[in-house]
PDB file of N, CA and C in Angstrom:
ATOM      1  N   MET A   1      90.709  67.146  95.743  1.00  0.00           N
ATOM      2  CA  MET A   1      91.861  66.570  95.047  1.00  0.00           C
ATOM      3  C   MET A   1      92.841  67.695  94.709  1.00  0.00           C
ATOM      4  N   ALA A   2      94.115  67.360  94.850  1.00  0.00           N
ATOM      5  CA  ALA A   2      95.163  68.350  94.580  1.00  0.00           C
ATOM      6  C   ALA A   2      95.246  68.629  93.084  1.00  0.00           C
ATOM      7  N   ASN A   3      95.433  69.900  92.737  1.00  0.00           N
ATOM      8  CA  ASN A   3      95.501  70.293  91.329  1.00  0.00           C
ATOM      9  C   ASN A   3      96.923  70.608  90.888  1.00  0.00           C
ATOM     10  N   THR A   4      97.663  71.332  91.701  1.00  0.00           N
ATOM     11  CA  THR A   4      99.013  71.723  91.299  1.00  0.00           C
ATOM     12  C   THR A   4      99.999  70.603  91.621  1.00  0.00           C
ATOM     13  N   SER A   5     101.132  70.655  90.958  1.00  0.00           N
ATOM     14  CA  SER A   5     102.130  69.607  91.176  1.00  0.00           C
ATOM     15  C   SER A   5     102.667  69.648  92.605  1.00  0.00           C
ATOM     16  N   SER A   6     102.799  70.850  93.160  1.00  0.00           N
ATOM     17  CA  SER A   6     103.304  70.966  94.536  1.00  0.00           C
ATOM     18  C   SER A   6     102.282  70.407  95.536  1.00  0.00           C
ATOM     19  N   ALA A   7     101.002  70.609  95.256  1.00  0.00           N
ATOM     20  CA  ALA A   7      99.953  70.078  96.131  1.00  0.00           C
ATOM     21  C   ALA A   7      99.896  68.558  96.041  1.00  0.00           C
ATOM     22  N   LYS A   8     100.123  68.027  94.842  1.00  0.00           N
ATOM     23  CA  LYS A   8     100.154  66.565  94.660  1.00  0.00           C
ATOM     24  C   LYS A   8     101.319  65.956  95.434  1.00  0.00           C
ATOM     25  N   LYS A   9     102.459  66.617  95.364  1.00  0.00           N
ATOM     26  CA  LYS A   9     103.636  66.142  96.094  1.00  0.00           C
ATOM     27  C   LYS A   9     103.373  66.201  97.596  1.00  0.00           C
ATOM     28  N   ALA A  10     102.774  67.281  98.057  1.00  0.00           N
ATOM     29  CA  ALA A  10     102.467  67.435  99.485  1.00  0.00           C
ATOM     30  C   ALA A  10     101.522  66.326  99.949  1.00  0.00           C
ATOM     31  N   ALA A  11     100.567  65.966  99.096  1.00  0.00           N
ATOM     32  CA  ALA A  11      99.621  64.894  99.430  1.00  0.00           C
ATOM     33  C   ALA A  11     100.353  63.556  99.532  1.00  0.00           C
ATOM     34  N   ARG A  12     101.289  63.309  98.625  1.00  0.00           N
ATOM     35  CA  ARG A  12     102.093  62.063  98.671  1.00  0.00           C
ATOM     36  C   ARG A  12     102.920  62.013  99.945  1.00  0.00           C
ATOM     37  N   GLN A  13     103.550  63.142 100.273  1.00  0.00           N
ATOM     38  CA  GLN A  13     104.380  63.206 101.473  1.00  0.00           C
ATOM     39  C   GLN A  13     103.536  62.976 102.729  1.00  0.00           C
ATOM     40  N   MET A  14     102.347  63.554 102.741  1.00  0.00           N
ATOM     41  CA  MET A  14     101.466  63.417 103.895  1.00  0.00           C
ATOM     42  C   MET A  14     101.098  61.951 104.121  1.00  0.00           C
ATOM     43  N   ILE A  15     100.854  61.217 103.062  1.00  0.00           N
ATOM     44  CA  ILE A  15     100.522  59.791 103.176  1.00  0.00           C
ATOM     45  C   ILE A  15     101.698  59.023 103.766  1.00  0.00           C
ATOM     46  N   ARG A  16     102.900  59.311 103.279  1.00  0.00           N
ATOM     47  CA  ARG A  16     104.106  58.630 103.798  1.00  0.00           C
ATOM     48  C   ARG A  16     104.335  58.969 105.264  1.00  0.00           C
ATOM     49  N   ARG A  17     104.209  60.250 105.620  1.00  0.00           N
ATOM     50  CA  ARG A  17     104.439  60.676 107.005  1.00  0.00           C
ATOM     51  C   ARG A  17     103.401  60.061 107.941  1.00  0.00           C
ATOM     52  N   THR A  18     102.154  59.964 107.461  1.00  0.00           N
ATOM     53  CA  THR A  18     101.084  59.379 108.269  1.00  0.00           C
ATOM     54  C   THR A  18     101.424  57.933 108.625  1.00  0.00           C
ATOM     55  N   ASP A  19     101.932  57.187 107.653  1.00  0.00           N
ATOM     56  CA  ASP A  19     102.308  55.785 107.904  1.00  0.00           C
ATOM     57  C   ASP A  19     103.428  55.690 108.925  1.00  0.00           C
ATOM     58  N   VAL A  20     104.427  56.550 108.803  1.00  0.00           N
ATOM     59  CA  VAL A  20     105.557  56.546 109.731  1.00  0.00           C
ATOM     60  C   VAL A  20     105.082  56.920 111.133  1.00  0.00           C
ATOM     61  N   ASN A  21     104.236  57.956 111.219  1.00  0.00           N
ATOM     62  CA  ASN A  21     103.745  58.408 112.517  1.00  0.00           C
ATOM     63  C   ASN A  21     102.874  57.351 113.195  1.00  0.00           C
ATOM     64  N   LYS A  22     102.062  56.644 112.392  1.00  0.00           N
ATOM     65  CA  LYS A  22     101.230  55.564 112.939  1.00  0.00           C
ATOM     66  C   LYS A  22     102.106  54.476 113.537  1.00  0.00           C
ATOM     67  N   ALA A  23     103.168  54.135 112.825  1.00  0.00           N
ATOM     68  CA  ALA A  23     104.083  53.094 113.312  1.00  0.00           C
ATOM     69  C   ALA A  23     104.735  53.525 114.620  1.00  0.00           C
ATOM     70  N   ARG A  24     105.108  54.782 114.706  1.00  0.00           N
ATOM     71  CA  ARG A  24     105.736  55.286 115.936  1.00  0.00           C
ATOM     72  C   ARG A  24     104.758  55.296 117.097  1.00  0.00           C
ATOM     73  N   ARG A  25     103.522  55.706 116.836  1.00  0.00           N
ATOM     74  CA  ARG A  25     102.500  55.708 117.892  1.00  0.00           C
ATOM     75  C   ARG A  25     102.228  54.291 118.382  1.00  0.00           C
ATOM     76  N   THR A  26     102.177  53.345 117.457  1.00  0.00           N
ATOM     77  CA  THR A  26     101.954  51.944 117.808  1.00  0.00           C
ATOM     78  C   THR A  26     103.099  51.420 118.663  1.00  0.00           C
ATOM     79  N   ARG A  27     104.316  51.786 118.312  1.00  0.00           N
ATOM     80  CA  ARG A  27     105.485  51.347 119.069  1.00  0.00           C
ATOM     81  C   ARG A  27     105.431  51.880 120.501  1.00  0.00           C
ATOM     82  N   VAL A  28     105.033  53.131 120.655  1.00  0.00           N
ATOM     83  CA  VAL A  28     104.914  53.731 121.985  1.00  0.00           C
ATOM     84  C   VAL A  28     103.891  52.964 122.818  1.00  0.00           C
ATOM     85  N   LYS A  29     102.732  52.694 122.229  1.00  0.00           N
ATOM     86  CA  LYS A  29     101.687  51.971 122.952  1.00  0.00           C
ATOM     87  C   LYS A  29     102.163  50.581 123.355  1.00  0.00           C
ATOM     88  N   SER A  30     102.900  49.916 122.479  1.00  0.00           N
ATOM     89  CA  SER A  30     103.422  48.579 122.781  1.00  0.00           C
ATOM     90  C   SER A  30     104.411  48.619 123.935  1.00  0.00           C
ATOM     91  N   GLU A  31     105.277  49.613 123.928  1.00  0.00           N
ATOM     92  CA  GLU A  31     106.282  49.748 124.994  1.00  0.00           C
ATOM     93  C   GLU A  31     105.596  50.026 126.340  1.00  0.00           C
ATOM     94  N   ILE A  32     104.604  50.898 126.326  1.00  0.00           N
ATOM     95  CA  ILE A  32     103.870  51.215 127.558  1.00  0.00           C
ATOM     96  C   ILE A  32     103.143  49.969 128.060  1.00  0.00           C
ATOM     97  N   ARG A  33     102.542  49.231 127.137  1.00  0.00           N
ATOM     98  CA  ARG A  33     101.822  48.017 127.505  1.00  0.00           C
ATOM     99  C   ARG A  33     102.761  46.996 128.134  1.00  0.00           C
ATOM    100  N   ALA A  34     103.983  46.904 127.627  1.00  0.00           N
ATOM    101  CA  ALA A  34     104.960  45.964 128.176  1.00  0.00           C
ATOM    102  C   ALA A  34     105.282  46.299 129.629  1.00  0.00           C
ATOM    103  N   VAL A  35     105.425  47.584 129.911  1.00  0.00           N
ATOM    104  CA  VAL A  35     105.704  48.017 131.293  1.00  0.00           C
ATOM    105  C   VAL A  35     104.507  47.704 132.177  1.00  0.00           C
ATOM    106  N   GLU A  36     103.309  48.027 131.711  1.00  0.00           N
ATOM    107  CA  GLU A  36     102.106  47.806 132.512  1.00  0.00           C
ATOM    108  C   GLU A  36     101.866  46.325 132.787  1.00  0.00           C
ATOM    109  N   GLU A  37     102.145  45.473 131.803  1.00  0.00           N
ATOM    110  CA  GLU A  37     101.978  44.030 132.003  1.00  0.00           C
ATOM    111  C   GLU A  37     102.974  43.504 133.021  1.00  0.00           C
ATOM    112  N   ALA A  38     104.214  44.011 132.985  1.00  0.00           N
ATOM    113  CA  ALA A  38     105.226  43.596 133.959  1.00  0.00           C
ATOM    114  C   ALA A  38     104.829  44.039 135.366  1.00  0.00           C
ATOM    115  N   ILE A  39     104.255  45.236 135.484  1.00  0.00           N
ATOM    116  CA  ILE A  39     103.793  45.732 136.779  1.00  0.00           C
ATOM    117  C   ILE A  39     102.656  44.851 137.293  1.00  0.00           C
ATOM    118  N   LYS A  40     101.727  44.538 136.392  1.00  0.00           N
ATOM    119  CA  LYS A  40     100.574  43.715 136.761  1.00  0.00           C
ATOM    120  C   LYS A  40     101.015  42.316 137.204  1.00  0.00           C
ATOM    121  N   ALA A  41     102.043  41.784 136.532  1.00  0.00           N
ATOM    122  CA  ALA A  41     102.552  40.444 136.870  1.00  0.00           C
ATOM    123  C   ALA A  41     103.342  40.468 138.179  1.00  0.00           C
ATOM    124  N   GLY A  42     103.769  41.653 138.598  1.00  0.00           N
ATOM    125  CA  GLY A  42     104.523  41.779 139.841  1.00  0.00           C
ATOM    126  C   GLY A  42     106.004  41.490 139.686  1.00  0.00           C
ATOM    127  N   ASP A  43     106.488  41.455 138.451  1.00  0.00           N
ATOM    128  CA  ASP A  43     107.906  41.185 138.176  1.00  0.00           C
ATOM    129  C   ASP A  43     108.660  42.514 138.130  1.00  0.00           C
ATOM    130  N   GLN A  44     109.324  42.844 139.230  1.00  0.00           N
ATOM    131  CA  GLN A  44     109.986  44.152 139.338  1.00  0.00           C
ATOM    132  C   GLN A  44     111.149  44.298 138.360  1.00  0.00           C
ATOM    133  N   GLY A  45     111.949  43.254 138.189  1.00  0.00           N
ATOM    134  CA  GLY A  45     113.084  43.315 137.273  1.00  0.00           C
ATOM    135  C   GLY A  45     112.651  43.537 135.839  1.00  0.00           C
ATOM    136  N   LYS A  46     111.612  42.798 135.447  1.00  0.00           N
ATOM    137  CA  LYS A  46     111.085  42.917 134.089  1.00  0.00           C
ATOM    138  C   LYS A  46     110.459  44.303 133.878  1.00  0.00           C
ATOM    139  N   ALA A  47     109.773  44.807 134.898  1.00  0.00           N
ATOM    140  CA  ALA A  47     109.145  46.131 134.806  1.00  0.00           C
ATOM    141  C   ALA A  47     110.205  47.208 134.667  1.00  0.00           C
ATOM    142  N   HIS A  48     111.293  47.067 135.428  1.00  0.00           N
ATOM    143  CA  HIS A  48     112.383  48.045 135.364  1.00  0.00           C
ATOM    144  C   HIS A  48     113.033  48.037 133.973  1.00  0.00           C
ATOM    145  N   ALA A  49     113.251  46.845 133.424  1.00  0.00           N
ATOM    146  CA  ALA A  49     113.852  46.722 132.085  1.00  0.00           C
ATOM    147  C   ALA A  49     112.919  47.281 131.012  1.00  0.00           C
ATOM    148  N   ALA A  50     111.624  47.006 131.142  1.00  0.00           N
ATOM    149  CA  ALA A  50     110.646  47.505 130.172  1.00  0.00           C
ATOM    150  C   ALA A  50     110.562  49.026 130.223  1.00  0.00           C
ATOM    151  N   LEU A  51     110.652  49.587 131.431  1.00  0.00           N
ATOM    152  CA  LEU A  51     110.628  51.045 131.576  1.00  0.00           C
ATOM    153  C   LEU A  51     111.866  51.666 130.929  1.00  0.00           C
ATOM    154  N   ALA A  52     113.022  51.029 131.125  1.00  0.00           N
ATOM    155  CA  ALA A  52     114.267  51.528 130.525  1.00  0.00           C
ATOM    156  C   ALA A  52     114.188  51.500 128.998  1.00  0.00           C
ATOM    157  N   ALA A  53     113.448  50.529 128.452  1.00  0.00           N
ATOM    158  CA  ALA A  53     113.278  50.446 126.995  1.00  0.00           C
ATOM    159  C   ALA A  53     112.231  51.450 126.497  1.00  0.00           C
ATOM    160  N   ALA A  54     111.215  51.693 127.308  1.00  0.00           N
ATOM    161  CA  ALA A  54     110.114  52.567 126.890  1.00  0.00           C
ATOM    162  C   ALA A  54     110.483  54.046 126.944  1.00  0.00           C
ATOM    163  N   GLU A  55     111.311  54.418 127.899  1.00  0.00           N
ATOM    164  CA  GLU A  55     111.634  55.832 128.104  1.00  0.00           C
ATOM    165  C   GLU A  55     112.231  56.503 126.860  1.00  0.00           C
ATOM    166  N   PRO A  56     113.263  55.933 126.226  1.00  0.00           N
ATOM    167  CA  PRO A  56     113.802  56.601 125.027  1.00  0.00           C
ATOM    168  C   PRO A  56     112.833  56.612 123.851  1.00  0.00           C
ATOM    169  N   VAL A  57     111.970  55.607 123.763  1.00  0.00           N
ATOM    170  CA  VAL A  57     110.983  55.574 122.681  1.00  0.00           C
ATOM    171  C   VAL A  57     109.998  56.727 122.855  1.00  0.00           C
ATOM    172  N   LEU A  58     109.558  56.943 124.088  1.00  0.00           N
ATOM    173  CA  LEU A  58     108.647  58.059 124.367  1.00  0.00           C
ATOM    174  C   LEU A  58     109.328  59.405 124.093  1.00  0.00           C
ATOM    175  N   ALA A  59     110.585  59.528 124.501  1.00  0.00           N
ATOM    176  CA  ALA A  59     111.317  60.785 124.289  1.00  0.00           C
ATOM    177  C   ALA A  59     111.488  61.062 122.793  1.00  0.00           C
ATOM    178  N   ARG A  60     111.806  60.022 122.032  1.00  0.00           N
ATOM    179  CA  ARG A  60     112.006  60.172 120.594  1.00  0.00           C
ATOM    180  C   ARG A  60     110.706  60.548 119.904  1.00  0.00           C
ATOM    181  N   THR A  61     109.611  59.944 120.346  1.00  0.00           N
ATOM    182  CA  THR A  61     108.297  60.250 119.776  1.00  0.00           C
ATOM    183  C   THR A  61     107.947  61.712 120.019  1.00  0.00           C
ATOM    184  N   ALA A  62     108.257  62.214 121.217  1.00  0.00           N
ATOM    185  CA  ALA A  62     107.990  63.621 121.530  1.00  0.00           C
ATOM    186  C   ALA A  62     108.890  64.527 120.696  1.00  0.00           C
ATOM    187  N   GLN A  63     110.132  64.121 120.539  1.00  0.00           N
ATOM    188  CA  GLN A  63     111.093  64.928 119.784  1.00  0.00           C
ATOM    189  C   GLN A  63     110.674  65.059 118.323  1.00  0.00           C
ATOM    190  N   LYS A  64     110.045  64.008 117.783  1.00  0.00           N
ATOM    191  CA  LYS A  64     109.612  64.026 116.387  1.00  0.00           C
ATOM    192  C   LYS A  64     108.293  64.778 116.200  1.00  0.00           C
ATOM    193  N   GLY A  65     107.660  65.163 117.325  1.00  0.00           N
ATOM    194  CA  GLY A  65     106.428  65.932 117.236  1.00  0.00           C
ATOM    195  C   GLY A  65     105.174  65.099 117.103  1.00  0.00           C
ATOM    196  N   ILE A  66     105.285  63.803 117.329  1.00  0.00           N
ATOM    197  CA  ILE A  66     104.119  62.930 117.220  1.00  0.00           C
ATOM    198  C   ILE A  66     103.308  63.009 118.504  1.00  0.00           C
ATOM    199  N   MET A  67     104.010  63.265 119.593  1.00  0.00           N
ATOM    200  CA  MET A  67     103.393  63.400 120.906  1.00  0.00           C
ATOM    201  C   MET A  67     103.993  64.650 121.538  1.00  0.00           C
ATOM    202  N   HIS A  68     103.206  65.356 122.329  1.00  0.00           N
ATOM    203  CA  HIS A  68     103.737  66.545 122.988  1.00  0.00           C
ATOM    204  C   HIS A  68     104.802  66.148 124.004  1.00  0.00           C
ATOM    205  N   LYS A  69     105.786  67.002 124.160  1.00  0.00           N
ATOM    206  CA  LYS A  69     106.912  66.740 125.057  1.00  0.00           C
ATOM    207  C   LYS A  69     106.448  66.478 126.491  1.00  0.00           C
ATOM    208  N   LYS A  70     105.514  67.284 126.956  1.00  0.00           N
ATOM    209  CA  LYS A  70     105.038  67.129 128.335  1.00  0.00           C
ATOM    210  C   LYS A  70     104.183  65.888 128.507  1.00  0.00           C
ATOM    211  N   THR A  71     103.490  65.476 127.459  1.00  0.00           N
ATOM    212  CA  THR A  71     102.703  64.245 127.513  1.00  0.00           C
ATOM    213  C   THR A  71     103.628  63.059 127.691  1.00  0.00           C
ATOM    214  N   ALA A  72     104.698  63.025 126.914  1.00  0.00           N
ATOM    215  CA  ALA A  72     105.665  61.931 127.014  1.00  0.00           C
ATOM    216  C   ALA A  72     106.316  61.919 128.389  1.00  0.00           C
ATOM    217  N   SER A  73     106.680  63.098 128.877  1.00  0.00           N
ATOM    218  CA  SER A  73     107.298  63.217 130.185  1.00  0.00           C
ATOM    219  C   SER A  73     106.357  62.721 131.278  1.00  0.00           C
ATOM    220  N   ARG A  74     105.089  63.077 131.171  1.00  0.00           N
ATOM    221  CA  ARG A  74     104.087  62.656 132.157  1.00  0.00           C
ATOM    222  C   ARG A  74     103.914  61.141 132.158  1.00  0.00           C
ATOM    223  N   LYS A  75     103.889  60.543 130.971  1.00  0.00           N
ATOM    224  CA  LYS A  75     103.738  59.088 130.875  1.00  0.00           C
ATOM    225  C   LYS A  75     104.937  58.377 131.498  1.00  0.00           C
ATOM    226  N   VAL A  76     106.147  58.849 131.208  1.00  0.00           N
ATOM    227  CA  VAL A  76     107.359  58.261 131.782  1.00  0.00           C
ATOM    228  C   VAL A  76     107.324  58.390 133.299  1.00  0.00           C
ATOM    229  N   SER A  77     106.954  59.564 133.777  1.00  0.00           N
ATOM    230  CA  SER A  77     106.915  59.833 135.209  1.00  0.00           C
ATOM    231  C   SER A  77     105.933  58.906 135.919  1.00  0.00           C
ATOM    232  N   ARG A  78     104.765  58.733 135.359  1.00  0.00           N
ATOM    233  CA  ARG A  78     103.745  57.889 135.989  1.00  0.00           C
ATOM    234  C   ARG A  78     104.143  56.424 135.974  1.00  0.00           C
ATOM    235  N   LEU A  79     104.751  55.977 134.873  1.00  0.00           N
ATOM    236  CA  LEU A  79     105.215  54.592 134.818  1.00  0.00           C
ATOM    237  C   LEU A  79     106.339  54.363 135.831  1.00  0.00           C
ATOM    238  N   ALA A  80     107.266  55.313 135.906  1.00  0.00           N
ATOM    239  CA  ALA A  80     108.390  55.200 136.846  1.00  0.00           C
ATOM    240  C   ALA A  80     107.880  55.159 138.282  1.00  0.00           C
ATOM    241  N   GLN A  81     106.881  55.954 138.556  1.00  0.00           N
ATOM    242  CA  GLN A  81     106.286  55.996 139.892  1.00  0.00           C
ATOM    243  C   GLN A  81     105.679  54.637 140.255  1.00  0.00           C
ATOM    244  N   ARG A  82     105.004  54.015 139.290  1.00  0.00           N
ATOM    245  CA  ARG A  82     104.381  52.714 139.541  1.00  0.00           C
ATOM    246  C   ARG A  82     105.431  51.620 139.712  1.00  0.00           C
ATOM    247  N   VAL A  83     106.513  51.683 138.930  1.00  0.00           N
ATOM    248  CA  VAL A  83     107.588  50.692 139.051  1.00  0.00           C
ATOM    249  C   VAL A  83     108.263  50.850 140.407  1.00  0.00           C
ATOM    250  N   LYS A  84     108.503  52.085 140.805  1.00  0.00           N
ATOM    251  CA  LYS A  84     109.149  52.356 142.093  1.00  0.00           C
ATOM    252  C   LYS A  84     108.289  51.866 143.248  1.00  0.00           C
ATOM    253  N   ALA A  85     106.973  52.006 143.127  1.00  0.00           N
ATOM    254  CA  ALA A  85     106.051  51.587 144.180  1.00  0.00           C
ATOM    255  C   ALA A  85     106.072  50.081 144.389  1.00  0.00           C
ATOM    256  N   MET A  86     106.517  49.339 143.382  1.00  0.00           N
ATOM    257  CA  MET A  86     106.582  47.874 143.501  1.00  0.00           C
ATOM    258  C   MET A  86     107.593  47.454 144.565  1.00  0.00           C
ATOM    259  N   SER A  87     108.672  48.204 144.704  1.00  0.00           N
ATOM    260  CA  SER A  87     109.724  47.830 145.643  1.00  0.00           C
ATOM    261  C   SER A  87     109.355  48.181 147.086  1.00  0.00           C
ATOM    262  N   ALA A  88     108.425  49.109 147.233  1.00  0.00           N
ATOM    263  CA  ALA A  88     108.054  49.557 148.581  1.00  0.00           C
ATOM    264  C   ALA A  88     107.088  48.590 149.249  1.00  0.00           C
TER     265      ALA A  88
END
């Protein structure tokens, strides 16, 4: 348990940040799932739109430090590759 006032404040901030970060991680997973479901359904237009929506969410998550920059880039790249393969 925190003893000093600064440690107590840091603990409060950590709880708030954890909630925000959890929400952001959940949003990323939802966006990725939307793209994957569109790919699975074979709907190229829907998959393309879902990818366009997911890409900035992944970039923002990486920018905030919740996910590593290269991890986000890799996920976008792999999703884009799968969407592109649908047209071939």
